[in-house]
Amino acid sequence: MPVGVLSIGSYTPDKVVDNQQISAWTGMPESWVTERTGVLERRYAEPGTATSDLAVPAAREALEGVAEEARRRLGALIVATSTPDVPQPSTAAILQHKLGLSTLPAFDINAVCSGFLYGLAVAEGLLRAGRHGDHVLLVGADMFSTIMNRSDRRTVSLFGDGAGAVVLGEVPEGYGLQSVHLVTDGEFHHYVGVEAGGTRTPLDARAREAGEHFFRMDGRSVRDYALAVLAKLTAATLDDCGLALEDVDRFVFHQANTRLLETFVKEAGIDPERVAYTAPRLGNTVAASVPLTLHATHRAEPLRRGERVLLASVGGGMTAGAALLTWY
């Protein structure tokens, strides 16, 4: 049973944080931010907003893209996020309530920026098993504005808030997901993270004073890992399908930052005209990045039936994933 994307939705907040603001927070010139990252703007949710609030409009848009019968036969809701509304219950359970969905399995996946790719593989498994309905709503949503140290130029210049969603279901033979590869290299888990707030380090006054509730990242190590693993997974995914880079119509990569993507595209020998970018205007939207970028390229030039789309991501953990879709 082939599984494919039936509809897409996305949402970003209205508030624009430009490089002038980043410069004011960090003391770095605007030119430094632009030249080092290629990110010009990012979006921040207003205070009082929860991750599920960003997910609602994206999910609704995706649901509106399929027939009412498909909405009634929704079998599961998966939310990929590393900035949940609360430690428990799952953001998916809260989103299910906000969407008014009937009883169904609803759960979160945390693979940081790779969460959407991990969710894609899990959704395909659920649908192929045939025990939980005919369709899955998969949402990637994150609010990294809430965990930014605004004086840390290495992170605050990169990240923004957003949500993207897809409805997945059966498609005809020859379409849909052709291959999915996932990896985690846990030995590098220390490259990125938020130290406090779990069972290892309580989020107490000492942790806050030390700034351990903020996101931190070893940028150089992440860059080196990303360039290596993206090349490896892209090659493995294409090999599965007997395809070469030139056979892919569009590349939708996790938008870690513009400069990193430009470097990878050049080193891999990918036609830059086939690569979708949202990082310049939205920054790194973490688990939302891949579906947001997929929706952006679809809105700019609607995907045609039979187009081959390669999705790939790298995230904390360190996690990574790649998938090839034949559009239906």
Protein backbone atom coordinates (compact mmCIF):
# COMPACT_ATOMS: atom_id res chain seq x y z
CA MET A 1 0.00 0.00 0.00
CA PRO A 2 1.78 3.18 -1.13
CA VAL A 3 1.47 6.14 1.28
CA GLY A 4 1.66 9.72 0.05
CA VAL A 5 0.96 13.33 0.94
CA LEU A 6 -2.65 14.25 0.14
CA SER A 7 -2.65 17.86 1.38
CA ILE A 8 -0.43 20.43 3.11
CA GLY A 9 -0.88 23.32 5.52
CA SER A 10 1.45 25.74 7.27
CA TYR A 11 1.46 28.70 9.61
CA THR A 12 3.95 31.29 10.81
CA PRO A 13 3.30 34.09 13.31
CA ASP A 14 2.95 37.70 12.15
CA LYS A 15 5.73 39.20 14.26
CA VAL A 16 8.91 39.67 12.19
CA VAL A 17 12.29 39.73 13.94
CA ASP A 18 14.83 41.21 11.53
CA ASN A 19 18.60 41.40 11.73
CA GLN A 20 18.47 44.91 13.15
CA GLN A 21 16.76 43.42 16.21
CA ILE A 22 19.26 40.54 16.37
CA SER A 23 22.07 43.11 16.23
CA ALA A 24 20.54 45.04 19.13
CA TRP A 25 20.26 41.86 21.22
CA THR A 26 23.72 40.47 20.49
CA GLY A 27 25.83 43.54 19.79
CA MET A 28 26.92 42.03 16.47
CA PRO A 29 26.60 44.07 13.25
CA GLU A 30 23.66 43.24 11.00
CA SER A 31 26.16 42.44 8.28
CA TRP A 32 27.72 39.70 10.45
CA VAL A 33 24.34 37.98 10.92
CA THR A 34 23.49 38.21 7.23
CA GLU A 35 26.88 37.06 5.96
CA ARG A 36 27.34 34.19 8.44
CA THR A 37 23.81 32.74 8.35
CA GLY A 38 22.00 34.05 5.27
CA VAL A 39 18.94 34.52 7.50
CA LEU A 40 17.33 37.93 7.04
CA GLU A 41 14.19 37.51 9.13
CA ARG A 42 12.50 35.06 11.44
CA ARG A 43 9.01 34.95 12.98
CA TYR A 44 8.22 34.97 16.69
CA ALA A 45 4.93 34.06 18.33
CA GLU A 46 3.41 36.58 20.72
CA PRO A 47 3.74 36.00 24.48
CA GLY A 48 1.07 33.65 25.76
CA THR A 49 1.13 31.53 22.59
CA ALA A 50 1.68 27.77 22.91
CA THR A 51 3.11 25.41 20.32
CA SER A 52 -0.33 23.84 19.83
CA ASP A 53 -1.68 27.30 18.95
CA LEU A 54 0.75 27.47 16.03
CA ALA A 55 -0.20 23.92 15.02
CA VAL A 56 -3.97 24.56 14.86
CA PRO A 57 -4.10 26.73 11.68
CA ALA A 58 -1.53 24.55 9.90
CA ALA A 59 -3.45 21.40 10.76
CA ARG A 60 -6.78 22.92 9.78
CA GLU A 61 -5.42 23.98 6.40
CA ALA A 62 -4.13 20.46 5.77
CA LEU A 63 -7.44 18.92 6.82
CA GLU A 64 -9.40 21.31 4.61
CA GLY A 65 -7.35 20.05 1.66
CA VAL A 66 -8.90 16.59 1.79
CA ALA A 67 -12.50 15.43 1.44
CA GLU A 68 -14.80 15.35 4.45
CA GLU A 69 -14.84 11.57 4.26
CA ALA A 70 -11.06 11.52 4.67
CA ARG A 71 -11.31 13.78 7.71
CA ARG A 72 -13.85 11.39 9.24
CA ARG A 73 -11.54 8.45 8.61
CA LEU A 74 -8.53 10.05 10.26
CA GLY A 75 -6.69 7.30 12.09
CA ALA A 76 -3.97 9.10 14.04
CA LEU A 77 -2.49 12.48 14.92
CA ILE A 78 1.29 12.81 15.28
CA VAL A 79 3.00 16.01 16.43
CA ALA A 80 6.75 16.41 15.94
CA THR A 81 8.07 18.98 18.40
CA SER A 82 10.87 19.60 20.88
CA THR A 83 9.12 22.60 22.45
CA PRO A 84 5.88 21.05 23.74
CA ASP A 85 3.13 23.06 25.40
CA VAL A 86 3.84 21.30 28.71
CA PRO A 87 6.08 18.39 29.82
CA GLN A 88 2.93 16.27 29.87
CA PRO A 89 0.48 15.44 28.43
CA SER A 90 1.53 15.38 24.78
CA THR A 91 1.01 18.44 22.62
CA ALA A 92 -0.79 16.08 20.22
CA ALA A 93 -3.46 15.40 22.86
CA ILE A 94 -3.95 19.14 23.37
CA LEU A 95 -4.05 19.74 19.62
CA GLN A 96 -6.58 16.94 19.17
CA HIS A 97 -8.88 18.74 21.61
CA LYS A 98 -8.39 22.12 19.96
CA LEU A 99 -9.19 20.66 16.54
CA GLY A 100 -12.28 18.90 17.86
CA LEU A 101 -11.13 15.53 16.56
CA SER A 102 -12.83 12.35 17.67
CA THR A 103 -11.09 9.62 19.65
CA LEU A 104 -7.90 8.46 17.94
CA PRO A 105 -4.25 7.80 18.81
CA ALA A 106 -2.48 11.13 19.32
CA PHE A 107 1.15 11.37 20.38
CA ASP A 108 4.36 13.41 20.10
CA ILE A 109 7.71 12.62 18.52
CA ASN A 110 10.89 14.42 19.59
CA ALA A 111 13.72 14.10 17.10
CA VAL A 112 14.26 17.89 17.16
CA CYS A 113 14.73 19.18 13.58
CA SER A 114 14.34 15.65 12.16
CA GLY A 115 10.99 15.14 13.87
CA PHE A 116 8.90 15.51 10.72
CA LEU A 117 10.92 12.85 8.85
CA TYR A 118 10.65 10.49 11.82
CA GLY A 119 6.91 11.20 11.94
CA LEU A 120 6.63 10.44 8.25
CA ALA A 121 8.12 6.98 8.78
CA VAL A 122 5.87 6.27 11.78
CA ALA A 123 2.78 7.43 9.90
CA GLU A 124 3.63 5.20 6.95
CA GLY A 125 3.94 2.24 9.33
CA LEU A 126 0.56 2.96 10.94
CA LEU A 127 -1.17 3.24 7.60
CA ARG A 128 0.44 0.11 6.19
CA ALA A 129 -0.60 -1.83 9.31
CA GLY A 130 -4.18 -0.82 8.57
CA ARG A 131 -5.34 -0.82 12.20
CA HIS A 132 -5.93 2.91 12.75
CA GLY A 133 -7.97 4.33 9.90
CA ASP A 134 -7.05 5.41 6.40
CA HIS A 135 -5.34 8.75 7.04
CA VAL A 136 -2.81 10.30 9.41
CA LEU A 137 -2.45 13.97 10.27
CA LEU A 138 1.26 14.74 10.79
CA VAL A 139 2.26 18.13 12.22
CA GLY A 140 5.70 19.64 12.79
CA ALA A 141 5.61 22.63 15.16
CA ASP A 142 8.17 24.44 17.29
CA MET A 143 8.60 27.69 19.22
CA PHE A 144 12.32 28.14 19.75
CA SER A 145 11.80 31.82 20.52
CA THR A 146 10.85 30.64 24.03
CA ILE A 147 14.22 28.98 24.67
CA MET A 148 16.58 31.50 23.06
CA ASN A 149 19.33 33.27 24.95
CA ARG A 150 18.96 36.55 23.08
CA SER A 151 22.56 37.54 23.74
CA ASP A 152 23.90 34.34 22.10
CA ARG A 153 24.61 35.30 18.50
CA ARG A 154 25.25 31.66 17.53
CA THR A 155 21.65 30.63 18.15
CA VAL A 156 19.33 33.63 18.30
CA SER A 157 20.32 34.64 14.77
CA LEU A 158 19.06 31.32 13.37
CA PHE A 159 15.77 30.22 14.91
CA GLY A 160 12.14 31.15 14.36
CA ASP A 161 8.67 29.80 15.15
CA GLY A 162 6.24 28.00 12.89
CA ALA A 163 4.15 24.93 12.07
CA GLY A 164 3.60 22.74 9.04
CA ALA A 165 1.19 19.85 8.53
CA VAL A 166 0.31 17.14 6.04
CA VAL A 167 -2.45 14.60 5.68
CA LEU A 168 -1.09 11.24 4.59
CA GLY A 169 -3.05 8.43 2.98
CA GLU A 170 -3.07 5.74 0.33
CA VAL A 171 -2.04 6.72 -3.19
CA PRO A 172 -1.81 4.64 -6.41
CA GLU A 173 1.14 2.37 -7.11
CA GLY A 174 4.20 4.26 -8.25
CA TYR A 175 3.39 7.34 -6.17
CA GLY A 176 4.01 8.39 -2.57
CA LEU A 177 6.93 7.43 -0.34
CA GLN A 178 9.53 5.47 -2.27
CA SER A 179 12.21 5.30 0.41
CA VAL A 180 12.84 6.55 3.95
CA HIS A 181 16.15 6.45 5.86
CA LEU A 182 16.54 7.50 9.52
CA VAL A 183 19.63 7.57 11.73
CA THR A 184 20.58 8.68 15.22
CA ASP A 185 24.18 9.06 16.36
CA GLY A 186 23.66 9.39 20.11
CA GLU A 187 27.36 9.72 20.82
CA PHE A 188 26.98 13.30 19.56
CA HIS A 189 23.91 14.16 21.63
CA HIS A 190 25.88 16.86 23.44
CA TYR A 191 26.21 18.99 20.29
CA VAL A 192 22.83 20.66 20.92
CA GLY A 193 20.32 20.75 23.73
CA VAL A 194 18.60 22.36 26.68
CA GLU A 195 20.30 21.19 29.85
CA ALA A 196 17.66 21.92 32.49
CA GLY A 197 14.04 20.90 32.82
CA GLY A 198 14.31 17.10 32.79
CA THR A 199 15.06 14.48 35.42
CA ARG A 200 18.83 14.96 35.14
CA THR A 201 18.89 18.70 35.87
CA PRO A 202 15.83 20.26 37.55
CA LEU A 203 14.74 23.68 36.33
CA ASP A 204 15.42 25.47 39.60
CA ALA A 205 16.82 28.88 40.51
CA ARG A 206 20.41 27.69 40.12
CA ALA A 207 19.74 26.33 36.61
CA ARG A 208 18.06 29.56 35.55
CA GLU A 209 20.89 31.64 36.94
CA ALA A 210 23.32 29.52 34.91
CA GLY A 211 21.19 29.88 31.78
CA GLU A 212 20.68 26.12 31.52
CA HIS A 213 17.05 26.60 30.47
CA PHE A 214 18.24 28.10 27.17
CA PHE A 215 19.02 26.24 23.97
CA ARG A 216 22.72 25.91 23.18
CA MET A 217 24.58 24.53 20.20
CA ASP A 218 28.12 23.65 19.14
CA GLY A 219 27.72 25.21 15.71
CA ARG A 220 30.92 23.95 14.08
CA SER A 221 30.35 20.34 15.15
CA VAL A 222 26.73 20.46 14.01
CA ARG A 223 27.79 21.86 10.64
CA ASP A 224 30.38 19.14 10.07
CA TYR A 225 27.95 16.40 11.08
CA ALA A 226 25.16 17.85 8.93
CA LEU A 227 27.27 18.05 5.78
CA ALA A 228 28.47 14.46 6.17
CA VAL A 229 25.17 12.83 7.11
CA LEU A 230 23.10 14.69 4.51
CA ALA A 231 25.41 13.43 1.78
CA LYS A 232 25.23 9.87 3.14
CA LEU A 233 21.45 9.74 3.52
CA THR A 234 20.75 11.46 0.21
CA ALA A 235 22.91 8.88 -1.58
CA ALA A 236 21.32 5.94 0.29
CA THR A 237 17.78 7.13 -0.42
CA LEU A 238 18.44 7.64 -4.12
CA ASP A 239 20.24 4.28 -4.35
CA ASP A 240 17.14 2.57 -2.94
CA CYS A 241 15.15 3.95 -5.86
CA GLY A 242 17.78 3.49 -8.55
CA LEU A 243 17.93 7.25 -9.09
CA ALA A 244 20.59 9.95 -9.38
CA LEU A 245 20.56 13.55 -8.17
CA GLU A 246 19.53 14.79 -11.60
CA ASP A 247 16.39 12.61 -11.45
CA VAL A 248 15.04 14.62 -8.51
CA ASP A 249 12.75 17.52 -9.44
CA ARG A 250 12.86 19.34 -6.09
CA PHE A 251 14.94 19.17 -2.94
CA VAL A 252 13.32 20.16 0.35
CA PHE A 253 15.97 20.25 3.06
CA HIS A 254 15.67 21.18 6.69
CA GLN A 255 16.49 24.89 6.78
CA ALA A 256 19.31 24.81 9.33
CA ASN A 257 20.63 28.03 7.88
CA THR A 258 21.04 29.39 4.37
CA ARG A 259 24.82 29.23 4.26
CA LEU A 260 25.01 25.61 5.39
CA LEU A 261 22.49 24.59 2.74
CA GLU A 262 24.31 26.53 0.04
CA THR A 263 27.54 24.75 0.99
CA PHE A 264 25.91 21.32 0.91
CA VAL A 265 24.17 21.96 -2.41
CA LYS A 266 27.44 23.06 -3.99
CA GLU A 267 29.49 20.17 -2.57
CA ALA A 268 26.85 17.60 -3.57
CA GLY A 269 26.58 18.95 -7.10
CA ILE A 270 22.84 19.64 -6.81
CA ASP A 271 21.24 22.09 -9.23
CA PRO A 272 20.49 25.10 -6.96
CA GLU A 273 17.42 25.93 -9.05
CA ARG A 274 15.81 22.73 -7.73
CA VAL A 275 16.35 23.57 -4.05
CA ALA A 276 13.60 25.24 -2.00
CA TYR A 277 14.62 27.85 0.58
CA THR A 278 12.65 29.37 3.45
CA ALA A 279 15.58 30.04 5.79
CA PRO A 280 16.20 33.61 4.51
CA ARG A 281 12.73 34.76 5.63
CA LEU A 282 11.75 32.24 8.32
CA GLY A 283 15.04 31.02 9.76
CA ASN A 284 15.33 27.55 11.25
CA THR A 285 11.81 26.49 12.29
CA VAL A 286 13.05 23.12 13.62
CA ALA A 287 10.43 20.32 13.21
CA ALA A 288 8.24 22.69 11.16
CA SER A 289 11.04 23.39 8.70
CA VAL A 290 10.54 20.55 6.20
CA PRO A 291 6.72 20.78 5.91
CA LEU A 292 6.84 24.60 5.86
CA THR A 293 9.36 24.53 3.04
CA LEU A 294 7.44 21.83 1.17
CA HIS A 295 4.32 24.00 1.36
CA ALA A 296 6.25 27.11 0.33
CA THR A 297 7.63 25.51 -2.83
CA HIS A 298 4.19 24.06 -3.63
CA ARG A 299 2.58 27.49 -3.32
CA ALA A 300 5.29 29.13 -5.43
CA GLU A 301 4.96 26.51 -8.18
CA PRO A 302 2.38 23.75 -7.59
CA LEU A 303 3.89 20.29 -7.48
CA ARG A 304 2.88 18.24 -10.51
CA ARG A 305 1.83 14.63 -10.42
CA GLY A 306 4.89 12.44 -10.86
CA GLU A 307 7.42 14.99 -9.61
CA ARG A 308 10.12 13.48 -7.44
CA VAL A 309 10.79 15.34 -4.20
CA LEU A 310 13.67 14.55 -1.87
CA LEU A 311 13.20 15.56 1.78
CA ALA A 312 16.11 15.54 4.23
CA SER A 313 16.87 16.86 7.70
CA VAL A 314 19.43 16.93 10.51
CA GLY A 315 18.52 17.54 14.14
CA GLY A 316 19.63 17.26 17.73
CA GLY A 317 20.48 13.86 19.08
CA MET A 318 22.15 13.81 16.56
CA THR A 319 19.32 12.67 14.33
CA ALA A 320 18.89 12.74 10.58
CA GLY A 321 16.45 11.51 7.96
CA ALA A 322 15.79 11.47 4.25
CA ALA A 323 12.83 10.42 2.13
CA LEU A 324 11.91 10.36 -1.52
CA LEU A 325 8.34 11.17 -2.54
CA THR A 326 6.75 10.78 -5.93
CA TRP A 327 4.04 13.42 -5.87
CA TYR A 328 0.44 12.41 -6.44
